[in-house]
Structure formats: structure tokens, C-alpha cells
PDB file of all heavy atoms in Angstrom:
ATOM      1  N   PRO A   1      -2.812  11.627 -13.215  1.00  0.00           N
ATOM      2  CA  PRO A   1      -1.435  11.208 -12.978  1.00  0.00           C
ATOM      3  C   PRO A   1      -0.931  10.306 -14.102  1.00  0.00           C
ATOM      4  O   PRO A   1      -1.650   9.421 -14.554  1.00  0.00           O
ATOM      5  CB  PRO A   1      -1.524  10.440 -11.651  1.00  0.00           C
ATOM      6  CG  PRO A   1      -2.749  10.970 -10.993  1.00  0.00           C
ATOM      7  CD  PRO A   1      -3.700  11.294 -12.104  1.00  0.00           C
ATOM      8  N   LEU A   2       0.304  10.534 -14.556  1.00  0.00           N
ATOM      9  CA  LEU A   2       0.864   9.704 -15.611  1.00  0.00           C
ATOM     10  C   LEU A   2       1.297   8.343 -15.070  1.00  0.00           C
ATOM     11  O   LEU A   2       1.158   7.326 -15.742  1.00  0.00           O
ATOM     12  CB  LEU A   2       2.068  10.416 -16.232  1.00  0.00           C
ATOM     13  CG  LEU A   2       2.812   9.685 -17.352  1.00  0.00           C
ATOM     14  CD1 LEU A   2       1.895   9.451 -18.533  1.00  0.00           C
ATOM     15  CD2 LEU A   2       4.034  10.470 -17.784  1.00  0.00           C
ATOM     16  N   PHE A   3       1.830   8.322 -13.856  1.00  0.00           N
ATOM     17  CA  PHE A   3       2.305   7.082 -13.249  1.00  0.00           C
ATOM     18  C   PHE A   3       1.542   6.879 -11.950  1.00  0.00           C
ATOM     19  O   PHE A   3       1.689   7.650 -11.010  1.00  0.00           O
ATOM     20  CB  PHE A   3       3.816   7.184 -12.974  1.00  0.00           C
ATOM     21  CG  PHE A   3       4.403   5.948 -12.350  1.00  0.00           C
ATOM     22  CD1 PHE A   3       4.527   4.784 -13.075  1.00  0.00           C
ATOM     23  CD2 PHE A   3       4.823   5.960 -11.030  1.00  0.00           C
ATOM     24  CE1 PHE A   3       5.080   3.646 -12.516  1.00  0.00           C
ATOM     25  CE2 PHE A   3       5.373   4.830 -10.452  1.00  0.00           C
ATOM     26  CZ  PHE A   3       5.498   3.669 -11.200  1.00  0.00           C
ATOM     27  N   ASN A   4       0.709   5.845 -11.884  1.00  0.00           N
ATOM     28  CA  ASN A   4      -0.193   5.703 -10.741  1.00  0.00           C
ATOM     29  C   ASN A   4      -0.435   4.228 -10.421  1.00  0.00           C
ATOM     30  O   ASN A   4      -1.538   3.722 -10.572  1.00  0.00           O
ATOM     31  CB  ASN A   4      -1.523   6.404 -11.063  1.00  0.00           C
ATOM     32  CG  ASN A   4      -2.339   6.676  -9.810  1.00  0.00           C
ATOM     33  OD1 ASN A   4      -1.818   6.649  -8.700  1.00  0.00           O
ATOM     34  ND2 ASN A   4      -3.622   6.915  -9.986  1.00  0.00           N
ATOM     35  N   PRO A   5       0.593   3.504  -9.982  1.00  0.00           N
ATOM     36  CA  PRO A   5       0.458   2.071  -9.742  1.00  0.00           C
ATOM     37  C   PRO A   5      -0.284   1.761  -8.440  1.00  0.00           C
ATOM     38  O   PRO A   5      -0.584   2.653  -7.645  1.00  0.00           O
ATOM     39  CB  PRO A   5       1.919   1.611  -9.648  1.00  0.00           C
ATOM     40  CG  PRO A   5       2.614   2.796  -9.067  1.00  0.00           C
ATOM     41  CD  PRO A   5       1.940   3.998  -9.686  1.00  0.00           C
ATOM     42  N   ILE A   6      -0.548   0.484  -8.239  1.00  0.00           N
ATOM     43  CA  ILE A   6      -1.121  -0.003  -6.985  1.00  0.00           C
ATOM     44  C   ILE A   6      -0.036  -0.063  -5.917  1.00  0.00           C
ATOM     45  O   ILE A   6       1.063  -0.557  -6.151  1.00  0.00           O
ATOM     46  CB  ILE A   6      -1.715  -1.414  -7.169  1.00  0.00           C
ATOM     47  CG1 ILE A   6      -2.879  -1.390  -8.156  1.00  0.00           C
ATOM     48  CG2 ILE A   6      -2.165  -1.981  -5.828  1.00  0.00           C
ATOM     49  CD1 ILE A   6      -4.136  -0.774  -7.601  1.00  0.00           C
ATOM     50  N   VAL A   7      -0.329   0.470  -4.730  1.00  0.00           N
ATOM     51  CA  VAL A   7       0.508   0.279  -3.546  1.00  0.00           C
ATOM     52  C   VAL A   7      -0.401  -0.291  -2.451  1.00  0.00           C
ATOM     53  O   VAL A   7      -1.592  -0.511  -2.687  1.00  0.00           O
ATOM     54  CB  VAL A   7       1.176   1.603  -3.100  1.00  0.00           C
ATOM     55  CG1 VAL A   7       2.186   2.059  -4.142  1.00  0.00           C
ATOM     56  CG2 VAL A   7       0.138   2.699  -2.860  1.00  0.00           C
ATOM     57  N   TYR A   8       0.142  -0.511  -1.278  1.00  0.00           N
ATOM     58  CA  TYR A   8      -0.633  -1.186  -0.235  1.00  0.00           C
ATOM     59  C   TYR A   8      -0.500  -0.469   1.102  1.00  0.00           C
ATOM     60  O   TYR A   8       0.576   0.006   1.464  1.00  0.00           O
ATOM     61  CB  TYR A   8      -0.174  -2.649  -0.105  1.00  0.00           C
ATOM     62  CG  TYR A   8      -0.380  -3.419  -1.386  1.00  0.00           C
ATOM     63  CD1 TYR A   8       0.592  -3.380  -2.383  1.00  0.00           C
ATOM     64  CD2 TYR A   8      -1.546  -4.122  -1.622  1.00  0.00           C
ATOM     65  CE1 TYR A   8       0.402  -4.050  -3.580  1.00  0.00           C
ATOM     66  CE2 TYR A   8      -1.743  -4.800  -2.820  1.00  0.00           C
ATOM     67  CZ  TYR A   8      -0.766  -4.758  -3.789  1.00  0.00           C
ATOM     68  OH  TYR A   8      -0.970  -5.411  -4.970  1.00  0.00           O
ATOM     69  N   ILE A   9      -1.616  -0.399   1.826  1.00  0.00           N
ATOM     70  CA  ILE A   9      -1.628   0.178   3.157  1.00  0.00           C
ATOM     71  C   ILE A   9      -2.180  -0.859   4.131  1.00  0.00           C
ATOM     72  O   ILE A   9      -2.670  -1.913   3.720  1.00  0.00           O
ATOM     73  CB  ILE A   9      -2.482   1.468   3.201  1.00  0.00           C
ATOM     74  CG1 ILE A   9      -3.927   1.175   2.767  1.00  0.00           C
ATOM     75  CG2 ILE A   9      -1.866   2.550   2.325  1.00  0.00           C
ATOM     76  CD1 ILE A   9      -4.864   2.359   2.892  1.00  0.00           C
ATOM     77  N   THR A  10      -2.100  -0.551   5.433  1.00  0.00           N
ATOM     78  CA  THR A  10      -2.637  -1.442   6.460  1.00  0.00           C
ATOM     79  C   THR A  10      -3.804  -0.762   7.166  1.00  0.00           C
ATOM     80  O   THR A  10      -4.093   0.411   6.939  1.00  0.00           O
ATOM     81  CB  THR A  10      -1.547  -1.786   7.486  1.00  0.00           C
ATOM     82  OG1 THR A  10      -1.180  -0.584   8.182  1.00  0.00           O
ATOM     83  CG2 THR A  10      -0.310  -2.360   6.801  1.00  0.00           C
ATOM     84  N   ASN A  11      -4.460  -1.512   8.013  1.00  0.00           N
ATOM     85  CA  ASN A  11      -5.613  -0.981   8.747  1.00  0.00           C
ATOM     86  C   ASN A  11      -5.220   0.120   9.719  1.00  0.00           C
ATOM     87  O   ASN A  11      -6.025   1.007  10.028  1.00  0.00           O
ATOM     88  CB  ASN A  11      -6.312  -2.103   9.522  1.00  0.00           C
ATOM     89  CG  ASN A  11      -7.010  -3.069   8.605  1.00  0.00           C
ATOM     90  OD1 ASN A  11      -7.556  -2.671   7.578  1.00  0.00           O
ATOM     91  ND2 ASN A  11      -6.996  -4.352   8.961  1.00  0.00           N
ATOM     92  N   THR A  12      -3.988   0.068  10.221  1.00  0.00           N
ATOM     93  CA  THR A  12      -3.603   0.992  11.293  1.00  0.00           C
ATOM     94  C   THR A  12      -2.401   1.871  10.978  1.00  0.00           C
ATOM     95  O   THR A  12      -2.168   2.869  11.652  1.00  0.00           O
ATOM     96  CB  THR A  12      -3.284   0.194  12.574  1.00  0.00           C
ATOM     97  OG1 THR A  12      -2.254  -0.762  12.289  1.00  0.00           O
ATOM     98  CG2 THR A  12      -4.521  -0.548  13.073  1.00  0.00           C
ATOM     99  N   GLY A  13      -1.605   1.519   9.956  1.00  0.00           N
ATOM    100  CA  GLY A  13      -0.352   2.229   9.702  1.00  0.00           C
ATOM    101  C   GLY A  13      -0.535   3.565   9.005  1.00  0.00           C
ATOM    102  O   GLY A  13      -1.627   3.927   8.556  1.00  0.00           O
ATOM    103  N   GLU A  14       0.564   4.298   8.897  1.00  0.00           N
ATOM    104  CA  GLU A  14       0.576   5.604   8.241  1.00  0.00           C
ATOM    105  C   GLU A  14       1.487   5.617   7.022  1.00  0.00           C
ATOM    106  O   GLU A  14       1.771   6.675   6.461  1.00  0.00           O
ATOM    107  CB  GLU A  14       1.034   6.670   9.244  1.00  0.00           C
ATOM    108  CG  GLU A  14       0.085   6.815  10.438  1.00  0.00           C
ATOM    109  CD  GLU A  14       0.559   7.859  11.432  1.00  0.00           C
ATOM    110  OE1 GLU A  14       1.702   8.343  11.269  1.00  0.00           O
ATOM    111  OE2 GLU A  14      -0.206   8.187  12.351  1.00  0.00           O
ATOM    112  N   LYS A  15       1.962   4.424   6.607  1.00  0.00           N
ATOM    113  CA  LYS A  15       2.853   4.308   5.457  1.00  0.00           C
ATOM    114  C   LYS A  15       2.160   3.510   4.348  1.00  0.00           C
ATOM    115  O   LYS A  15       1.254   2.728   4.599  1.00  0.00           O
ATOM    116  CB  LYS A  15       4.150   3.584   5.851  1.00  0.00           C
ATOM    117  CG  LYS A  15       4.869   4.164   7.061  1.00  0.00           C
ATOM    118  CD  LYS A  15       5.593   5.447   6.723  1.00  0.00           C
ATOM    119  CE  LYS A  15       6.430   5.929   7.912  1.00  0.00           C
ATOM    120  NZ  LYS A  15       7.159   7.183   7.618  1.00  0.00           N
ATOM    121  N   TYR A  16       2.634   3.716   3.102  1.00  0.00           N
ATOM    122  CA  TYR A  16       2.206   2.826   2.030  1.00  0.00           C
ATOM    123  C   TYR A  16       3.405   1.996   1.589  1.00  0.00           C
ATOM    124  O   TYR A  16       4.561   2.388   1.772  1.00  0.00           O
ATOM    125  CB  TYR A  16       1.577   3.588   0.861  1.00  0.00           C
ATOM    126  CG  TYR A  16       2.483   4.497   0.066  1.00  0.00           C
ATOM    127  CD1 TYR A  16       3.251   3.995  -0.985  1.00  0.00           C
ATOM    128  CD2 TYR A  16       2.551   5.866   0.331  1.00  0.00           C
ATOM    129  CE1 TYR A  16       4.080   4.824  -1.736  1.00  0.00           C
ATOM    130  CE2 TYR A  16       3.365   6.702  -0.415  1.00  0.00           C
ATOM    131  CZ  TYR A  16       4.125   6.174  -1.452  1.00  0.00           C
ATOM    132  OH  TYR A  16       4.931   6.999  -2.189  1.00  0.00           O
ATOM    133  N   HIS A  17       3.147   0.792   1.029  1.00  0.00           N
ATOM    134  CA  HIS A  17       4.177  -0.216   0.847  1.00  0.00           C
ATOM    135  C   HIS A  17       4.085  -0.893  -0.514  1.00  0.00           C
ATOM    136  O   HIS A  17       3.071  -0.797  -1.206  1.00  0.00           O
ATOM    137  CB  HIS A  17       4.031  -1.314   1.922  1.00  0.00           C
ATOM    138  CG  HIS A  17       3.888  -0.800   3.317  1.00  0.00           C
ATOM    139  ND1 HIS A  17       4.951  -0.686   4.183  1.00  0.00           N
ATOM    140  CD2 HIS A  17       2.791  -0.354   4.003  1.00  0.00           C
ATOM    141  CE1 HIS A  17       4.519  -0.204   5.347  1.00  0.00           C
ATOM    142  NE2 HIS A  17       3.207   0.010   5.257  1.00  0.00           N
ATOM    143  N   GLN A  18       5.151  -1.639  -0.853  1.00  0.00           N
ATOM    144  CA  GLN A  18       5.097  -2.574  -1.959  1.00  0.00           C
ATOM    145  C   GLN A  18       4.475  -3.876  -1.461  1.00  0.00           C
ATOM    146  O   GLN A  18       4.424  -4.151  -0.263  1.00  0.00           O
ATOM    147  CB  GLN A  18       6.501  -2.840  -2.515  1.00  0.00           C
ATOM    148  CG  GLN A  18       7.153  -1.601  -3.110  1.00  0.00           C
ATOM    149  CD  GLN A  18       8.325  -1.940  -3.994  1.00  0.00           C
ATOM    150  OE1 GLN A  18       8.163  -2.636  -4.990  1.00  0.00           O
ATOM    151  NE2 GLN A  18       9.506  -1.459  -3.623  1.00  0.00           N
ATOM    152  N   TYR A  19       4.023  -4.722  -2.405  1.00  0.00           N
ATOM    153  CA  TYR A  19       3.274  -5.938  -2.053  1.00  0.00           C
ATOM    154  C   TYR A  19       4.042  -6.855  -1.108  1.00  0.00           C
ATOM    155  O   TYR A  19       3.459  -7.461  -0.218  1.00  0.00           O
ATOM    156  CB  TYR A  19       2.921  -6.700  -3.335  1.00  0.00           C
ATOM    157  CG  TYR A  19       2.090  -7.939  -3.095  1.00  0.00           C
ATOM    158  CD1 TYR A  19       0.698  -7.858  -3.001  1.00  0.00           C
ATOM    159  CD2 TYR A  19       2.689  -9.194  -2.956  1.00  0.00           C
ATOM    160  CE1 TYR A  19      -0.069  -8.989  -2.768  1.00  0.00           C
ATOM    161  CE2 TYR A  19       1.932 -10.323  -2.727  1.00  0.00           C
ATOM    162  CZ  TYR A  19       0.551 -10.223  -2.637  1.00  0.00           C
ATOM    163  OH  TYR A  19      -0.208 -11.344  -2.407  1.00  0.00           O
ATOM    164  N   HIS A  20       5.343  -6.963  -1.288  1.00  0.00           N
ATOM    165  CA  HIS A  20       6.146  -7.934  -0.538  1.00  0.00           C
ATOM    166  C   HIS A  20       6.620  -7.412   0.819  1.00  0.00           C
ATOM    167  O   HIS A  20       7.341  -8.112   1.531  1.00  0.00           O
ATOM    168  CB  HIS A  20       7.377  -8.332  -1.362  1.00  0.00           C
ATOM    169  CG  HIS A  20       8.234  -7.157  -1.747  1.00  0.00           C
ATOM    170  ND1 HIS A  20       9.079  -6.506  -0.867  1.00  0.00           N
ATOM    171  CD2 HIS A  20       8.355  -6.499  -2.924  1.00  0.00           C
ATOM    172  CE1 HIS A  20       9.691  -5.515  -1.480  1.00  0.00           C
ATOM    173  NE2 HIS A  20       9.270  -5.476  -2.740  1.00  0.00           N
ATOM    174  N   CYS A  21       6.250  -6.217   1.229  1.00  0.00           N
ATOM    175  CA  CYS A  21       6.798  -5.618   2.442  1.00  0.00           C
ATOM    176  C   CYS A  21       6.459  -6.436   3.692  1.00  0.00           C
ATOM    177  O   CYS A  21       5.342  -6.947   3.847  1.00  0.00           O
ATOM    178  CB  CYS A  21       6.278  -4.194   2.601  1.00  0.00           C
ATOM    179  SG  CYS A  21       7.037  -3.324   4.008  1.00  0.00           S
ATOM    180  N   GLN A  22       7.416  -6.527   4.614  1.00  0.00           N
ATOM    181  CA  GLN A  22       7.242  -7.300   5.841  1.00  0.00           C
ATOM    182  C   GLN A  22       6.167  -6.716   6.755  1.00  0.00           C
ATOM    183  O   GLN A  22       5.647  -7.406   7.630  1.00  0.00           O
ATOM    184  CB  GLN A  22       8.565  -7.368   6.597  1.00  0.00           C
ATOM    185  CG  GLN A  22       9.094  -5.998   7.031  1.00  0.00           C
ATOM    186  CD  GLN A  22      10.456  -6.076   7.680  1.00  0.00           C
ATOM    187  OE1 GLN A  22      11.000  -7.148   7.881  1.00  0.00           O
ATOM    188  NE2 GLN A  22      11.039  -4.921   7.993  1.00  0.00           N
ATOM    189  N   TYR A  23       5.831  -5.446   6.570  1.00  0.00           N
ATOM    190  CA  TYR A  23       4.823  -4.821   7.422  1.00  0.00           C
ATOM    191  C   TYR A  23       3.390  -5.086   6.952  1.00  0.00           C
ATOM    192  O   TYR A  23       2.443  -4.547   7.516  1.00  0.00           O
ATOM    193  CB  TYR A  23       5.072  -3.316   7.500  1.00  0.00           C
ATOM    194  CG  TYR A  23       6.356  -2.970   8.222  1.00  0.00           C
ATOM    195  CD1 TYR A  23       7.430  -2.415   7.539  1.00  0.00           C
ATOM    196  CD2 TYR A  23       6.504  -3.224   9.592  1.00  0.00           C
ATOM    197  CE1 TYR A  23       8.621  -2.109   8.190  1.00  0.00           C
ATOM    198  CE2 TYR A  23       7.685  -2.928  10.246  1.00  0.00           C
ATOM    199  CZ  TYR A  23       8.742  -2.375   9.547  1.00  0.00           C
ATOM    200  OH  TYR A  23       9.919  -2.082  10.209  1.00  0.00           O
ATOM    201  N   LEU A  24       3.235  -5.915   5.934  1.00  0.00           N
ATOM    202  CA  LEU A  24       1.898  -6.228   5.413  1.00  0.00           C
ATOM    203  C   LEU A  24       1.444  -7.638   5.783  1.00  0.00           C
ATOM    204  O   LEU A  24       0.551  -8.191   5.149  1.00  0.00           O
ATOM    205  CB  LEU A  24       1.893  -6.083   3.879  1.00  0.00           C
ATOM    206  CG  LEU A  24       2.166  -4.688   3.335  1.00  0.00           C
ATOM    207  CD1 LEU A  24       2.227  -4.727   1.807  1.00  0.00           C
ATOM    208  CD2 LEU A  24       1.099  -3.702   3.787  1.00  0.00           C
ATOM    209  N   LEU A  25       2.048  -8.212   6.805  1.00  0.00           N
ATOM    210  CA  LEU A  25       1.718  -9.586   7.172  1.00  0.00           C
ATOM    211  C   LEU A  25       0.291  -9.729   7.692  1.00  0.00           C
ATOM    212  O   LEU A  25      -0.376 -10.731   7.458  1.00  0.00           O
ATOM    213  CB  LEU A  25       2.718 -10.100   8.223  1.00  0.00           C
ATOM    214  CG  LEU A  25       4.175 -10.243   7.738  1.00  0.00           C
ATOM    215  CD1 LEU A  25       5.060 -10.702   8.889  1.00  0.00           C
ATOM    216  CD2 LEU A  25       4.240 -11.230   6.581  1.00  0.00           C
ATOM    217  N   GLU A  26      -0.214  -8.728   8.418  1.00  0.00           N
ATOM    218  CA  GLU A  26      -1.540  -8.832   9.039  1.00  0.00           C
ATOM    219  C   GLU A  26      -2.642  -8.230   8.186  1.00  0.00           C
ATOM    220  O   GLU A  26      -3.798  -8.651   8.262  1.00  0.00           O
ATOM    221  CB  GLU A  26      -1.516  -8.179  10.423  1.00  0.00           C
ATOM    222  CG  GLU A  26      -0.592  -8.908  11.402  1.00  0.00           C
ATOM    223  CD  GLU A  26      -0.704  -8.337  12.803  1.00  0.00           C
ATOM    224  OE1 GLU A  26      -1.522  -7.419  13.006  1.00  0.00           O
ATOM    225  OE2 GLU A  26       0.035  -8.812  13.683  1.00  0.00           O
ATOM    226  N   SER A  27      -2.327  -7.230   7.393  1.00  0.00           N
ATOM    227  CA  SER A  27      -3.336  -6.655   6.493  1.00  0.00           C
ATOM    228  C   SER A  27      -2.645  -6.064   5.279  1.00  0.00           C
ATOM    229  O   SER A  27      -1.514  -5.585   5.366  1.00  0.00           O
ATOM    230  CB  SER A  27      -4.176  -5.597   7.201  1.00  0.00           C
ATOM    231  OG  SER A  27      -3.382  -4.491   7.576  1.00  0.00           O
ATOM    232  N   ARG A  28      -3.315  -6.133   4.139  1.00  0.00           N
ATOM    233  CA  ARG A  28      -2.751  -5.643   2.876  1.00  0.00           C
ATOM    234  C   ARG A  28      -3.904  -5.081   2.052  1.00  0.00           C
ATOM    235  O   ARG A  28      -4.658  -5.818   1.443  1.00  0.00           O
ATOM    236  CB  ARG A  28      -2.034  -6.766   2.140  1.00  0.00           C
ATOM    237  CG  ARG A  28      -1.394  -6.324   0.817  1.00  0.00           C
ATOM    238  CD  ARG A  28      -0.794  -7.480   0.051  1.00  0.00           C
ATOM    239  NE  ARG A  28       0.441  -7.984   0.653  1.00  0.00           N
ATOM    240  CZ  ARG A  28       0.582  -9.175   1.181  1.00  0.00           C
ATOM    241  NH1 ARG A  28      -0.441 -10.024   1.202  1.00  0.00           N
ATOM    242  NH2 ARG A  28       1.745  -9.552   1.705  1.00  0.00           N
ATOM    243  N   ILE A  29      -4.053  -3.766   2.042  1.00  0.00           N
ATOM    244  CA  ILE A  29      -5.174  -3.121   1.361  1.00  0.00           C
ATOM    245  C   ILE A  29      -4.664  -2.420   0.109  1.00  0.00           C
ATOM    246  O   ILE A  29      -3.858  -1.487   0.189  1.00  0.00           O
ATOM    247  CB  ILE A  29      -5.850  -2.091   2.286  1.00  0.00           C
ATOM    248  CG1 ILE A  29      -6.304  -2.767   3.590  1.00  0.00           C
ATOM    249  CG2 ILE A  29      -7.029  -1.418   1.578  1.00  0.00           C
ATOM    250  CD1 ILE A  29      -6.734  -1.788   4.657  1.00  0.00           C
ATOM    251  N   PRO A  30      -5.099  -2.838  -1.095  1.00  0.00           N
ATOM    252  CA  PRO A  30      -4.635  -2.191  -2.328  1.00  0.00           C
ATOM    253  C   PRO A  30      -5.229  -0.803  -2.497  1.00  0.00           C
ATOM    254  O   PRO A  30      -6.387  -0.563  -2.174  1.00  0.00           O
ATOM    255  CB  PRO A  30      -5.122  -3.147  -3.429  1.00  0.00           C
ATOM    256  CG  PRO A  30      -6.313  -3.823  -2.838  1.00  0.00           C
ATOM    257  CD  PRO A  30      -6.035  -3.950  -1.359  1.00  0.00           C
ATOM    258  N   ILE A  31      -4.417   0.110  -3.002  1.00  0.00           N
ATOM    259  CA  ILE A  31      -4.865   1.485  -3.188  1.00  0.00           C
ATOM    260  C   ILE A  31      -3.986   2.120  -4.269  1.00  0.00           C
ATOM    261  O   ILE A  31      -2.824   1.744  -4.428  1.00  0.00           O
ATOM    262  CB  ILE A  31      -4.765   2.277  -1.856  1.00  0.00           C
ATOM    263  CG1 ILE A  31      -5.370   3.674  -1.989  1.00  0.00           C
ATOM    264  CG2 ILE A  31      -3.327   2.354  -1.381  1.00  0.00           C
ATOM    265  CD1 ILE A  31      -5.448   4.422  -0.650  1.00  0.00           C
ATOM    266  N   ARG A  32      -4.530   3.052  -5.042  1.00  0.00           N
ATOM    267  CA  ARG A  32      -3.723   3.756  -6.021  1.00  0.00           C
ATOM    268  C   ARG A  32      -2.722   4.681  -5.315  1.00  0.00           C
ATOM    269  O   ARG A  32      -3.025   5.257  -4.260  1.00  0.00           O
ATOM    270  CB  ARG A  32      -4.609   4.587  -6.946  1.00  0.00           C
ATOM    271  CG  ARG A  32      -5.278   3.770  -8.034  1.00  0.00           C
ATOM    272  CD  ARG A  32      -4.309   3.384  -9.116  1.00  0.00           C
ATOM    273  NE  ARG A  32      -4.868   2.304  -9.926  1.00  0.00           N
ATOM    274  CZ  ARG A  32      -4.157   1.449 -10.594  1.00  0.00           C
ATOM    275  NH1 ARG A  32      -2.847   1.508 -10.545  1.00  0.00           N
ATOM    276  NH2 ARG A  32      -4.721   0.512 -11.321  1.00  0.00           N
ATOM    277  N   LEU A  33      -1.536   4.807  -5.898  1.00  0.00           N
ATOM    278  CA  LEU A  33      -0.501   5.661  -5.321  1.00  0.00           C
ATOM    279  C   LEU A  33      -1.011   7.088  -5.117  1.00  0.00           C
ATOM    280  O   LEU A  33      -0.784   7.691  -4.060  1.00  0.00           O
ATOM    281  CB  LEU A  33       0.735   5.659  -6.236  1.00  0.00           C
ATOM    282  CG  LEU A  33       1.872   6.611  -5.873  1.00  0.00           C
ATOM    283  CD1 LEU A  33       2.384   6.341  -4.467  1.00  0.00           C
ATOM    284  CD2 LEU A  33       3.001   6.479  -6.882  1.00  0.00           C
ATOM    285  N   SER A  34      -1.720   7.640  -6.109  1.00  0.00           N
ATOM    286  CA  SER A  34      -2.228   9.007  -5.993  1.00  0.00           C
ATOM    287  C   SER A  34      -3.185   9.155  -4.820  1.00  0.00           C
ATOM    288  O   SER A  34      -3.189  10.169  -4.119  1.00  0.00           O
ATOM    289  CB  SER A  34      -2.925   9.431  -7.289  1.00  0.00           C
ATOM    290  OG  SER A  34      -4.022   8.579  -7.567  1.00  0.00           O
ATOM    291  N   GLU A  35      -4.013   8.115  -4.596  1.00  0.00           N
ATOM    292  CA  GLU A  35      -4.973   8.176  -3.505  1.00  0.00           C
ATOM    293  C   GLU A  35      -4.264   8.068  -2.158  1.00  0.00           C
ATOM    294  O   GLU A  35      -4.632   8.747  -1.197  1.00  0.00           O
ATOM    295  CB  GLU A  35      -6.006   7.059  -3.653  1.00  0.00           C
ATOM    296  CG  GLU A  35      -7.202   7.206  -2.731  1.00  0.00           C
ATOM    297  CD  GLU A  35      -8.309   6.230  -3.058  1.00  0.00           C
ATOM    298  OE1 GLU A  35      -8.117   5.375  -3.942  1.00  0.00           O
ATOM    299  OE2 GLU A  35      -9.362   6.319  -2.426  1.00  0.00           O
TER     300      GLU A  35
END
């Protein structure tokens, strides 16, 4: 992938987020966008 930044997921959610997202208050797991 040419563009593959870090995004964030949670332990239980089905979405990926930016670092500052309000849905990351309880967990914030870094992951590559492609993954």
C-alpha cells in the first residue's frame, strides 16, 4: 500500500478511528489502515 497510516480500533467495536475519536475512551488499539 502506498498510503498506510496508523488508525485505532477498540476491543469490541467494528469501526476504525482517528486517535482523538470520542469512541476510544475505554480502549485504543493501534493498527495499520490496510490491516
